Each structure stands twice: as structure tokens, then as C-alpha cells.
Amino acid sequence: MNLTQAQYEFDRKIENAPPWPGPERAAPALSLLDQVVCRRLNRRYPILPTILIGEPGDPRPRAECASFDDDSAYVLVSGGMLDIIDAVLGALVSGVNLSTDGRPKIPAVASPAAVDAALDATYQSWGARWRGERVPIALPAIPEPSAAVLTVLGDSVRLFLLLHEMGHAVLHTSIEATERTHAQELEADQFAFDTALDGYGLPRDRIRTVLAGA
């Protein structure tokens, strides 16, 4: 069996940093997209449905995309990046007083000071994570329906992140990651936002959720 260049590099990177135990966090976010939109995108960008998605067990908060001459590509989002997303969103949602459908307000489980402390701790952990240290996430238990809000926000952030990297794969195939310009990063952002809005926001009345995720 002949491996594509992307499959070879993907397998090598995953072997060097096996995914952490637990359910996948990144790839399932793509299931939020409307299938009609996905088929339209796949026709326009044939590389899209072949892009490999992985979550290496790497504490460094990073996301990367690589595309190759044989029209193969991969996107990797590290466990460290996913932890950062979970820590920031968890801290913010823990401090929210939530009211839905006119029901009585559900009080926040954390004070503003506690939210600030949690966000600051996440910021302070940045250096340790980049040194390869896995920093645990410690957040207060969040009751329903606040926990459901956290899930939706987390999925929307991960969706935007994946689509940004996939945007590089379809728009900047011959450009090394270290050579991308600020304008090209904005192009990948535009691809991600348009795709998320068209495929998740508009058909499901989730426009504000897409905005929050972006």
C-alpha cells in the first residue's frame, strides 16, 4: 500500500506524540457542518474530504496544517491547544449568570475574581506548556444548562480552529507555514468564518454562536 505524503508525516507525528486518553475533542466539531454545504465545498476543493485530522498528545498549544505535492494534507491540533480552549471557556462560563427562555436566572458558580484568577493561571501556564509540561485544568463543576452552553461554545471554537487550518490547505498549498503572511492568515480566517456561518450558523440559527467561536 502506497502512503500519501500527508499520511506518512501524519502517522509519524502521531506515533511521536500519541493522543491522550479520552474522547476526541477536535474532529467531532466538523460534524456540526451541514452536509449539503460540505458536498458543495468538496466539489470546489477536492482536497477537503481527504484531509487527515489528528490530535497529538503534545502539551504545546499549537495547531498546524501541511499540504504536499501529491495533493494530500493533514491538520493537527495538539492536546495542549485543546486544553487551553477548555480552560479559557470553562473559566468564562463558570462566571456567567445564565437565563434561558425567561426562566429564573441560574447563578454563576464562580465569582468575577475567581474567573480572573483562572484566566490568569491559564495565561501563566503558557510557558510551561511550551516547555512540554502538561498542565492540568482545574475548574469548578458547572451545572446544566450552563454546561450545555460550554459544550456548544467549545464545539464552535474547535470548528473555527479546524476550518482555519483547512483553509490554509486549500488556499495556500504551496506555502510553508513559516512563510505565510498576515494577509494569508486573514484569508484562512475568512474561509473558516464563511464556512462555519454557511454550514453551521445559518441552517441551524447559530449565527451568534459562530461569531463567538470565531
Protein backbone atom coordinates (compact mmCIF):
# COMPACT_ATOMS: atom_id res chain seq x y z
CA MET A 1 0.00 0.00 0.00
CA ASN A 2 1.41 3.38 -1.02
CA LEU A 3 1.01 6.07 1.60
CA THR A 4 0.41 9.66 0.64
CA GLN A 5 2.98 12.13 1.86
CA ALA A 6 0.46 13.51 4.33
CA GLN A 7 -0.34 10.04 5.70
CA TYR A 8 3.34 9.27 6.22
CA GLU A 9 4.03 12.52 8.08
CA PHE A 10 0.72 12.30 9.97
CA ASP A 11 1.49 8.77 11.19
CA ARG A 12 5.00 9.79 12.20
CA LYS A 13 3.81 12.77 14.23
CA ILE A 14 1.04 10.80 15.95
CA GLU A 15 3.48 7.99 16.76
CA ASN A 16 5.85 10.52 18.34
CA ALA A 17 3.03 12.11 20.36
CA PRO A 18 0.20 9.59 20.87
CA PRO A 19 -3.20 11.17 21.59
CA TRP A 20 -4.09 11.49 25.26
CA PRO A 21 -6.72 9.14 26.68
CA GLY A 22 -10.32 10.24 26.42
CA PRO A 23 -12.80 11.14 23.70
CA GLU A 24 -11.73 13.15 20.68
CA ARG A 25 -12.31 16.85 21.05
CA ALA A 26 -11.40 18.44 17.71
CA ALA A 27 -12.52 16.26 14.81
CA PRO A 28 -16.14 15.79 16.04
CA ALA A 29 -16.66 19.55 15.66
CA LEU A 30 -16.68 19.10 11.89
CA SER A 31 -19.87 17.06 12.22
CA LEU A 32 -21.65 20.34 13.03
CA LEU A 33 -21.48 21.34 9.37
CA ASP A 34 -24.49 20.91 7.13
CA GLN A 35 -23.87 18.03 4.71
CA VAL A 36 -25.17 19.98 1.71
CA VAL A 37 -22.59 22.66 2.39
CA CYS A 38 -19.89 20.03 2.83
CA ARG A 39 -20.68 18.45 -0.54
CA ARG A 40 -20.55 21.84 -2.22
CA LEU A 41 -17.19 22.61 -0.62
CA ASN A 42 -15.81 19.18 -1.52
CA ARG A 43 -16.66 19.75 -5.17
CA ARG A 44 -14.93 23.12 -5.11
CA TYR A 45 -11.91 21.91 -3.11
CA PRO A 46 -11.38 18.18 -3.82
CA ILE A 47 -8.59 18.02 -1.23
CA LEU A 48 -11.00 18.84 1.63
CA PRO A 49 -12.56 15.39 2.23
CA THR A 50 -9.10 13.75 2.19
CA ILE A 51 -7.51 15.99 4.82
CA LEU A 52 -6.35 13.95 7.80
CA ILE A 53 -7.36 15.32 11.22
CA GLY A 54 -5.39 14.41 14.34
CA GLU A 55 -4.98 15.37 17.99
CA PRO A 56 -1.40 14.56 19.03
CA GLY A 57 -0.69 14.36 22.74
CA ASP A 58 1.52 17.42 22.68
CA PRO A 59 1.31 19.87 25.61
CA ARG A 60 2.36 22.76 23.40
CA PRO A 61 -0.69 24.86 22.41
CA ARG A 62 -0.38 24.62 18.66
CA ALA A 63 -2.36 23.88 15.52
CA GLU A 64 -0.75 23.14 12.20
CA CYS A 65 -1.57 22.30 8.61
CA ALA A 66 0.69 20.82 5.95
CA SER A 67 -0.11 20.15 2.31
CA PHE A 68 2.03 18.22 -0.15
CA ASP A 69 2.79 17.91 -3.85
CA ASP A 70 0.66 14.76 -4.16
CA ASP A 71 -2.46 16.74 -3.19
CA SER A 72 -2.59 15.31 0.32
CA ALA A 73 -2.79 17.28 3.54
CA TYR A 74 -3.21 16.98 7.29
CA VAL A 75 -4.35 19.18 10.16
CA LEU A 76 -3.09 18.59 13.69
CA VAL A 77 -4.46 20.28 16.81
CA SER A 78 -2.46 19.46 19.92
CA GLY A 79 -3.88 18.34 23.22
CA GLY A 80 -2.27 21.45 24.72
CA MET A 81 -4.23 23.72 22.40
CA LEU A 82 -7.46 21.92 23.20
CA ASP A 83 -6.70 22.22 26.92
CA ILE A 84 -6.18 25.97 26.54
CA ILE A 85 -9.56 26.30 24.82
CA ASP A 86 -11.28 24.23 27.51
CA ALA A 87 -9.60 26.19 30.32
CA VAL A 88 -10.49 29.63 28.95
CA LEU A 89 -14.08 28.77 28.05
CA GLY A 90 -14.61 26.87 31.29
CA ALA A 91 -13.42 29.84 33.32
CA LEU A 92 -15.64 32.27 31.43
CA VAL A 93 -18.78 30.13 31.59
CA SER A 94 -18.25 29.44 35.29
CA GLY A 95 -18.74 33.17 35.88
CA VAL A 96 -21.93 33.55 33.84
CA ASN A 97 -25.36 34.17 35.30
CA LEU A 98 -27.48 32.31 32.79
CA SER A 99 -31.12 32.87 31.95
CA THR A 100 -32.84 30.94 29.16
CA ASP A 101 -36.40 31.08 27.83
CA GLY A 102 -37.46 33.52 30.51
CA ARG A 103 -36.71 31.03 33.28
CA PRO A 104 -35.22 32.09 36.63
CA LYS A 105 -31.57 33.03 36.45
CA ILE A 106 -29.03 30.28 37.12
CA PRO A 107 -26.33 31.90 39.25
CA ALA A 108 -22.68 31.68 38.36
CA VAL A 109 -20.61 29.14 40.25
CA ALA A 110 -17.53 31.38 40.31
CA SER A 111 -17.06 34.99 41.32
CA PRO A 112 -15.51 37.53 38.93
CA ALA A 113 -12.33 37.37 40.99
CA ALA A 114 -12.23 33.58 40.67
CA VAL A 115 -12.75 33.83 36.91
CA ASP A 116 -9.91 36.35 36.67
CA ALA A 117 -7.67 34.04 38.70
CA ALA A 118 -8.48 31.05 36.50
CA LEU A 119 -7.78 33.01 33.31
CA ASP A 120 -4.56 34.38 34.77
CA ALA A 121 -3.44 30.87 35.76
CA THR A 122 -4.07 29.70 32.20
CA TYR A 123 -2.04 32.62 30.86
CA GLN A 124 0.77 31.96 33.32
CA SER A 125 0.88 28.29 32.22
CA TRP A 126 1.73 29.24 28.64
CA GLY A 127 5.50 28.98 29.12
CA ALA A 128 5.30 25.64 30.92
CA ARG A 129 3.13 24.19 28.18
CA TRP A 130 5.60 25.27 25.52
CA ARG A 131 8.36 23.61 27.54
CA GLY A 132 6.43 20.36 27.11
CA GLU A 133 4.76 20.21 30.53
CA ARG A 134 1.15 19.09 30.64
CA VAL A 135 -0.68 21.49 32.94
CA PRO A 136 -3.93 20.12 34.42
CA ILE A 137 -7.15 22.09 34.11
CA ALA A 138 -8.98 22.72 37.38
CA LEU A 139 -12.41 24.31 37.06
CA PRO A 140 -15.49 24.29 39.30
CA ALA A 141 -18.31 21.94 38.35
CA ILE A 142 -20.72 23.73 36.02
CA PRO A 143 -24.40 22.70 36.27
CA GLU A 144 -26.85 22.34 33.42
CA PRO A 145 -27.82 24.20 31.32
CA SER A 146 -24.61 26.23 31.69
CA ALA A 147 -22.65 23.06 30.90
CA ALA A 148 -24.60 22.75 27.65
CA VAL A 149 -23.63 26.32 26.74
CA LEU A 150 -20.00 25.43 27.42
CA THR A 151 -20.26 22.41 25.11
CA VAL A 152 -21.74 24.49 22.28
CA LEU A 153 -19.11 27.21 22.65
CA GLY A 154 -16.31 24.66 22.80
CA ASP A 155 -17.51 22.93 19.65
CA SER A 156 -17.82 26.25 17.80
CA VAL A 157 -14.29 27.34 18.76
CA ARG A 158 -12.83 23.99 17.72
CA LEU A 159 -14.79 24.13 14.47
CA PHE A 160 -13.39 27.55 13.62
CA LEU A 161 -9.86 26.44 14.52
CA LEU A 162 -10.06 23.36 12.27
CA LEU A 163 -11.58 25.31 9.39
CA HIS A 164 -8.85 27.93 9.66
CA GLU A 165 -6.18 25.27 9.23
CA MET A 166 -8.16 23.59 6.46
CA GLY A 167 -8.39 26.98 4.79
CA HIS A 168 -4.62 27.04 4.58
CA ALA A 169 -4.71 23.57 2.99
CA VAL A 170 -6.98 24.68 0.17
CA LEU A 171 -5.82 28.28 -0.29
CA HIS A 172 -2.09 28.18 0.42
CA THR A 173 -0.99 24.73 -0.71
CA SER A 174 2.49 25.71 -1.88
CA ILE A 175 3.35 27.96 1.04
CA GLU A 176 5.26 26.78 4.10
CA ALA A 177 3.68 27.65 7.44
CA THR A 178 6.68 29.79 8.41
CA GLU A 179 6.30 31.82 5.20
CA ARG A 180 2.61 32.68 5.50
CA THR A 181 1.81 36.35 5.61
CA HIS A 182 -0.63 38.19 7.84
CA ALA A 183 -2.90 38.60 4.83
CA GLN A 184 -2.92 34.83 4.28
CA GLU A 185 -3.82 34.26 7.93
CA LEU A 186 -6.77 36.58 7.42
CA GLU A 187 -7.73 34.66 4.27
CA ALA A 188 -7.79 31.44 6.30
CA ASP A 189 -9.90 33.21 8.93
CA GLN A 190 -12.32 34.34 6.22
CA PHE A 191 -12.57 30.81 4.84
CA ALA A 192 -13.24 29.47 8.33
CA PHE A 193 -15.83 32.10 9.17
CA ASP A 194 -17.70 31.83 5.87
CA THR A 195 -17.75 28.03 6.05
CA ALA A 196 -18.86 27.94 9.69
CA LEU A 197 -21.54 30.57 9.09
CA ASP A 198 -22.87 28.89 5.96
CA GLY A 199 -22.60 25.34 7.26
CA TYR A 200 -23.49 25.76 10.93
CA GLY A 201 -24.71 29.26 11.69
CA LEU A 202 -27.32 29.86 9.04
CA PRO A 203 -29.02 26.46 8.72
CA ARG A 204 -29.19 25.99 12.49
CA ASP A 205 -29.85 29.53 13.67
CA ARG A 206 -26.40 29.61 15.31
CA ILE A 207 -25.08 32.86 13.86
CA ARG A 208 -24.14 34.30 17.25
CA THR A 209 -22.54 31.00 18.22
CA VAL A 210 -20.36 31.11 15.10
CA LEU A 211 -19.38 34.70 15.92
CA ALA A 212 -18.47 33.68 19.46
CA GLY A 213 -16.44 30.71 18.20
CA ALA A 214 -14.53 32.85 15.71
